[in-house]
Amino acid sequence: MTRPDGRQPDHLRNISFIPNVAAHATGSVLVAFGDTRVICSATVEEDVPRWMRAQRVDGGWLTAEYSMLPYSTLERKARDIARGKLDGRSSEIQRLIGRALRAVVDLKKVGQRTLWIDCDVLQADGGTRTASITGGCVALAIACNRLLAEGKIRDFPLKKLVAAVSAGVFEGVAVLDLNYPEDKAATVDFNVVMTENAEFVEIQGSGEEAVFTGAEMTAMLELSRKGIAELITLQRAAILAADRAGPADLEALAAAFRH
């Protein structure tokens, strides 16, 4: 079996993180999973949702928003505002991002504030939700470091890193990190979210008009475990680089679209 881009079954696509791409966000990163590119930002609001105040819930909150820009796909995707409502897929994905990140944040350490994670897809080639979770965690960590440096929080609230990757069965073989042609043709499609300690946060998986065996599921989960370990290493490097770097320059951004 030959994958469309020539990768081995257990290989990730080219992964990159360019931090500090949004000057007005508390933390931000442009994450690339191959030709999929997402800007993830973390912004701090000095308030909590009304339901938290009403119920006198301690600590803060974290929520996420996800959108695909009109030019992110081959055919123009209408903006949600043009339809007057958020489409079901976007709503499901942003809830997933929020759940994944809240699983690794001590919200009491955030204080009475809300962390907004915005994930805007610039270019889609499969795996936009997994790229959003992985990049969203980097943006969140950068924001937490900044809040700590500014004395707005006393303790680092991010308990551990979290990342996500897809896996599936393509042409009868379990493969890691599906691009769009593979995702479209896969008989089984999984999205796996795990922490740096190899703990599962969420698993989404189904057969596409097909069934799968226990052995195939085990193979996909093992591929995901390997891929997420590699992503965590890259996340750590990106978070460290963000502390040393200034705003992302145009040359670095252009290079991200050339590789």
Protein backbone atom coordinates (compact mmCIF):
# COMPACT_ATOMS: atom_id res chain seq x y z
CA MET A 1 0.00 0.00 0.00
CA THR A 2 1.31 3.43 -0.97
CA ARG A 3 -0.08 6.50 0.75
CA PRO A 4 -0.96 9.44 -1.52
CA ASP A 5 1.91 11.56 -0.17
CA GLY A 6 4.41 8.69 0.09
CA ARG A 7 4.47 8.44 3.90
CA GLN A 8 4.85 5.21 5.85
CA PRO A 9 1.69 4.12 7.73
CA ASP A 10 3.08 5.29 11.11
CA HIS A 11 4.40 8.67 9.95
CA LEU A 12 2.89 12.04 10.79
CA ARG A 13 2.72 14.72 8.16
CA ASN A 14 5.21 17.59 8.40
CA ILE A 15 4.25 19.38 11.63
CA SER A 16 5.21 22.95 12.45
CA PHE A 17 4.30 25.62 15.00
CA ILE A 18 4.93 29.34 14.51
CA PRO A 19 4.18 31.17 17.78
CA ASN A 20 3.09 34.77 18.35
CA VAL A 21 1.22 35.25 15.08
CA ALA A 22 -1.60 37.33 16.61
CA ALA A 23 -0.26 40.40 18.36
CA HIS A 24 -3.38 41.15 20.39
CA ALA A 25 -3.94 37.61 21.69
CA THR A 26 -2.45 36.56 25.01
CA GLY A 27 -1.05 33.48 23.26
CA SER A 28 -1.15 32.39 19.63
CA VAL A 29 0.34 29.93 17.15
CA LEU A 30 0.01 28.97 13.50
CA VAL A 31 -0.03 25.17 13.47
CA ALA A 32 0.48 23.12 10.31
CA PHE A 33 -0.32 19.44 9.89
CA GLY A 34 0.93 19.02 6.33
CA ASP A 35 -1.27 21.25 4.18
CA THR A 36 -3.78 21.81 6.99
CA ARG A 37 -3.11 25.14 8.68
CA VAL A 38 -4.92 26.66 11.65
CA ILE A 39 -4.36 29.83 13.64
CA CYS A 40 -5.01 29.10 17.31
CA SER A 41 -5.22 31.93 19.82
CA ALA A 42 -5.87 32.24 23.53
CA THR A 43 -7.48 35.44 24.78
CA VAL A 44 -8.26 36.34 28.37
CA GLU A 45 -11.54 37.92 29.43
CA GLU A 46 -11.59 39.31 32.97
CA ASP A 47 -14.99 37.84 33.74
CA VAL A 48 -16.74 34.47 33.99
CA PRO A 49 -19.99 33.24 32.41
CA ARG A 50 -23.21 34.33 34.06
CA TRP A 51 -24.07 30.77 35.12
CA MET A 52 -20.83 30.58 37.14
CA ARG A 53 -21.65 33.78 39.00
CA ALA A 54 -25.24 32.65 39.59
CA GLN A 55 -24.11 29.28 40.97
CA ARG A 56 -21.14 30.83 42.82
CA VAL A 57 -18.69 28.45 41.15
CA ASP A 58 -15.07 29.06 42.15
CA GLY A 59 -12.35 29.70 39.60
CA GLY A 60 -12.59 30.51 35.94
CA TRP A 61 -13.71 28.98 32.67
CA LEU A 62 -12.30 27.88 29.34
CA THR A 63 -14.27 27.74 26.12
CA ALA A 64 -13.44 27.37 22.44
CA GLU A 65 -14.66 28.60 19.08
CA TYR A 66 -13.84 26.97 15.73
CA SER A 67 -14.39 28.19 12.21
CA MET A 68 -13.29 27.42 8.68
CA LEU A 69 -12.55 30.50 6.63
CA PRO A 70 -14.34 30.72 3.28
CA TYR A 71 -11.15 30.08 1.29
CA SER A 72 -9.93 27.16 3.42
CA THR A 73 -11.48 24.54 1.11
CA LEU A 74 -11.48 23.94 -2.64
CA GLU A 75 -15.02 25.29 -2.93
CA ARG A 76 -15.84 28.47 -1.02
CA LYS A 77 -17.40 27.75 2.36
CA ALA A 78 -20.07 30.24 3.36
CA ARG A 79 -19.51 31.99 6.66
CA ASP A 80 -21.77 30.89 9.50
CA ILE A 81 -23.02 34.45 9.90
CA ALA A 82 -24.32 34.33 6.31
CA ARG A 83 -26.53 31.37 7.27
CA GLY A 84 -27.56 32.93 10.54
CA LYS A 85 -26.39 29.99 12.64
CA LEU A 86 -23.35 27.86 13.44
CA ASP A 87 -23.29 24.67 11.41
CA GLY A 88 -23.50 21.37 13.28
CA ARG A 89 -19.98 20.24 12.41
CA SER A 90 -18.36 23.46 13.68
CA SER A 91 -20.44 23.34 16.86
CA GLU A 92 -19.40 19.74 17.55
CA ILE A 93 -15.72 20.48 16.91
CA GLN A 94 -15.55 23.53 19.14
CA ARG A 95 -17.18 21.58 21.97
CA LEU A 96 -14.53 18.89 21.47
CA ILE A 97 -11.72 21.46 21.64
CA GLY A 98 -13.15 22.94 24.83
CA ARG A 99 -13.55 19.51 26.48
CA ALA A 100 -10.02 18.47 25.52
CA LEU A 101 -8.41 21.58 27.00
CA ARG A 102 -10.55 21.77 30.13
CA ALA A 103 -9.44 18.21 30.91
CA VAL A 104 -5.89 19.45 31.52
CA VAL A 105 -6.53 22.85 33.14
CA ASP A 106 -7.01 23.59 36.83
CA LEU A 107 -9.72 26.22 36.44
CA LYS A 108 -9.44 27.32 40.07
CA LYS A 109 -5.92 28.55 39.33
CA VAL A 110 -7.23 30.66 36.44
CA GLY A 111 -9.09 32.98 38.79
CA GLN A 112 -12.32 34.78 37.94
CA ARG A 113 -11.63 35.01 34.22
CA THR A 114 -12.47 33.20 30.99
CA LEU A 115 -9.90 31.74 28.61
CA TRP A 116 -11.15 31.91 25.02
CA ILE A 117 -9.49 29.52 22.56
CA ASP A 118 -10.18 30.54 18.95
CA CYS A 119 -9.25 28.15 16.14
CA ASP A 120 -9.52 29.55 12.61
CA VAL A 121 -8.79 27.17 9.74
CA LEU A 122 -6.83 28.89 6.98
CA GLN A 123 -6.38 25.80 4.84
CA ALA A 124 -8.03 22.39 5.20
CA ASP A 125 -6.49 19.09 4.08
CA GLY A 126 -7.87 16.74 6.72
CA GLY A 127 -7.40 16.75 10.49
CA THR A 128 -8.53 20.30 11.22
CA ARG A 129 -9.99 19.31 14.59
CA THR A 130 -6.85 17.47 15.69
CA ALA A 131 -4.65 20.35 14.55
CA SER A 132 -6.92 22.77 16.45
CA ILE A 133 -6.64 20.83 19.72
CA THR A 134 -2.87 20.43 19.37
CA GLY A 135 -2.31 24.08 18.44
CA GLY A 136 -4.89 25.30 20.93
CA CYS A 137 -2.91 23.68 23.74
CA VAL A 138 0.25 25.48 22.61
CA ALA A 139 -1.56 28.83 22.45
CA LEU A 140 -3.01 28.17 25.92
CA ALA A 141 0.40 27.35 27.40
CA ILE A 142 1.89 30.52 25.91
CA ALA A 143 -0.98 32.54 27.39
CA CYS A 144 -0.56 30.93 30.82
CA ASN A 145 3.16 31.73 30.79
CA ARG A 146 2.34 35.34 30.00
CA LEU A 147 -0.28 35.59 32.75
CA LEU A 148 2.23 34.13 35.20
CA ALA A 149 4.98 36.56 34.09
CA GLU A 150 2.60 39.51 34.48
CA GLY A 151 1.61 38.40 37.99
CA LYS A 152 -2.05 37.90 37.09
CA ILE A 153 -1.98 34.30 38.30
CA ARG A 154 0.17 32.74 41.02
CA ASP A 155 0.30 29.13 39.81
CA PHE A 156 0.56 27.64 36.32
CA PRO A 157 -2.93 26.23 35.61
CA LEU A 158 -2.05 23.86 32.75
CA LYS A 159 -1.55 20.49 34.46
CA LYS A 160 -0.21 18.66 31.40
CA LEU A 161 -0.06 19.00 27.64
CA VAL A 162 -2.73 17.48 25.43
CA ALA A 163 -2.63 16.72 21.72
CA ALA A 164 -4.78 14.99 19.12
CA VAL A 165 -4.27 13.02 15.94
CA SER A 166 -6.33 11.05 13.47
CA ALA A 167 -5.92 7.42 12.49
CA GLY A 168 -7.84 5.23 10.11
CA VAL A 169 -7.96 2.22 7.86
CA PHE A 170 -6.95 3.16 4.31
CA GLU A 171 -6.74 0.50 1.61
CA GLY A 172 -6.91 -2.16 4.31
CA VAL A 173 -4.00 -0.76 6.36
CA ALA A 174 -4.07 1.20 9.63
CA VAL A 175 -2.47 4.61 9.03
CA LEU A 176 -1.68 7.68 11.12
CA ASP A 177 -2.65 11.33 10.56
CA LEU A 178 -4.92 11.15 7.51
CA ASN A 179 -4.85 13.86 4.88
CA TYR A 180 -7.99 14.70 2.92
CA PRO A 181 -7.66 12.06 0.15
CA GLU A 182 -7.10 9.37 2.81
CA ASP A 183 -9.88 10.66 5.03
CA LYS A 184 -12.29 10.67 2.09
CA ALA A 185 -11.45 7.08 1.10
CA ALA A 186 -10.90 5.56 4.58
CA THR A 187 -13.19 2.74 5.68
CA VAL A 188 -12.57 3.61 9.34
CA ASP A 189 -11.83 7.04 10.80
CA PHE A 190 -10.65 7.75 14.37
CA ASN A 191 -9.77 10.98 16.18
CA VAL A 192 -7.81 10.41 19.37
CA VAL A 193 -7.06 12.97 22.10
CA MET A 194 -4.40 12.10 24.69
CA THR A 195 -2.30 13.79 27.35
CA GLU A 196 1.48 13.81 27.59
CA ASN A 197 1.15 10.90 30.05
CA ALA A 198 -0.55 8.78 27.37
CA GLU A 199 -3.94 9.11 29.09
CA PHE A 200 -6.97 9.15 26.84
CA VAL A 201 -9.16 12.26 26.92
CA GLU A 202 -11.51 11.36 24.10
CA ILE A 203 -11.80 8.85 21.26
CA GLN A 204 -14.09 9.42 18.29
CA GLY A 205 -14.28 6.56 15.83
CA SER A 206 -16.59 4.92 13.36
CA GLY A 207 -16.72 2.80 10.26
CA GLU A 208 -17.59 4.62 7.04
CA GLU A 209 -20.25 2.24 5.73
CA ALA A 210 -17.93 -0.50 6.98
CA VAL A 211 -17.02 -2.42 10.12
CA PHE A 212 -13.66 -2.86 11.85
CA THR A 213 -12.10 -5.50 14.05
CA GLY A 214 -10.65 -5.31 17.53
CA ALA A 215 -7.20 -5.82 16.02
CA GLU A 216 -7.68 -2.86 13.67
CA MET A 217 -8.87 -0.67 16.54
CA THR A 218 -5.84 -1.65 18.63
CA ALA A 219 -3.55 -0.85 15.70
CA MET A 220 -5.12 2.61 15.25
CA LEU A 221 -4.84 3.41 18.96
CA GLU A 222 -1.19 2.34 19.02
CA LEU A 223 -0.46 4.52 16.00
CA SER A 224 -2.23 7.41 17.74
CA ARG A 225 -0.22 6.88 20.92
CA LYS A 226 3.03 7.04 18.92
CA GLY A 227 1.93 10.09 16.96
CA ILE A 228 0.78 12.02 20.02
CA ALA A 229 4.08 11.37 21.80
CA GLU A 230 5.83 12.98 18.83
CA LEU A 231 3.38 15.90 18.83
CA ILE A 232 3.96 16.53 22.54
CA THR A 233 7.70 16.84 21.90
CA LEU A 234 7.04 19.40 19.17
CA GLN A 235 4.57 21.28 21.40
CA ARG A 236 7.18 21.62 24.15
CA ALA A 237 9.70 23.06 21.71
CA ALA A 238 7.14 25.55 20.36
CA ILE A 239 6.18 26.75 23.85
CA LEU A 240 9.83 27.29 24.77
CA ALA A 241 10.48 29.08 21.47
CA ALA A 242 7.56 31.44 22.07
CA ASP A 243 9.18 32.77 25.24
CA ARG A 244 12.34 33.66 23.31
CA ALA A 245 10.73 34.94 20.12
CA GLY A 246 9.10 38.21 19.24
CA PRO A 247 6.18 38.57 16.83
CA ALA A 248 6.23 36.07 13.99
CA ASP A 249 7.81 37.60 10.88
CA LEU A 250 6.38 37.40 7.38
CA GLU A 251 9.26 35.25 6.14
CA ALA A 252 8.53 32.56 8.72
CA LEU A 253 4.83 32.62 7.86
CA ALA A 254 5.56 32.37 4.14
CA ALA A 255 7.90 29.43 4.77
CA ALA A 256 5.11 27.63 6.62
CA PHE A 257 3.00 27.71 3.46
CA ARG A 258 5.84 26.53 1.21
CA HIS A 259 6.88 23.33 3.00
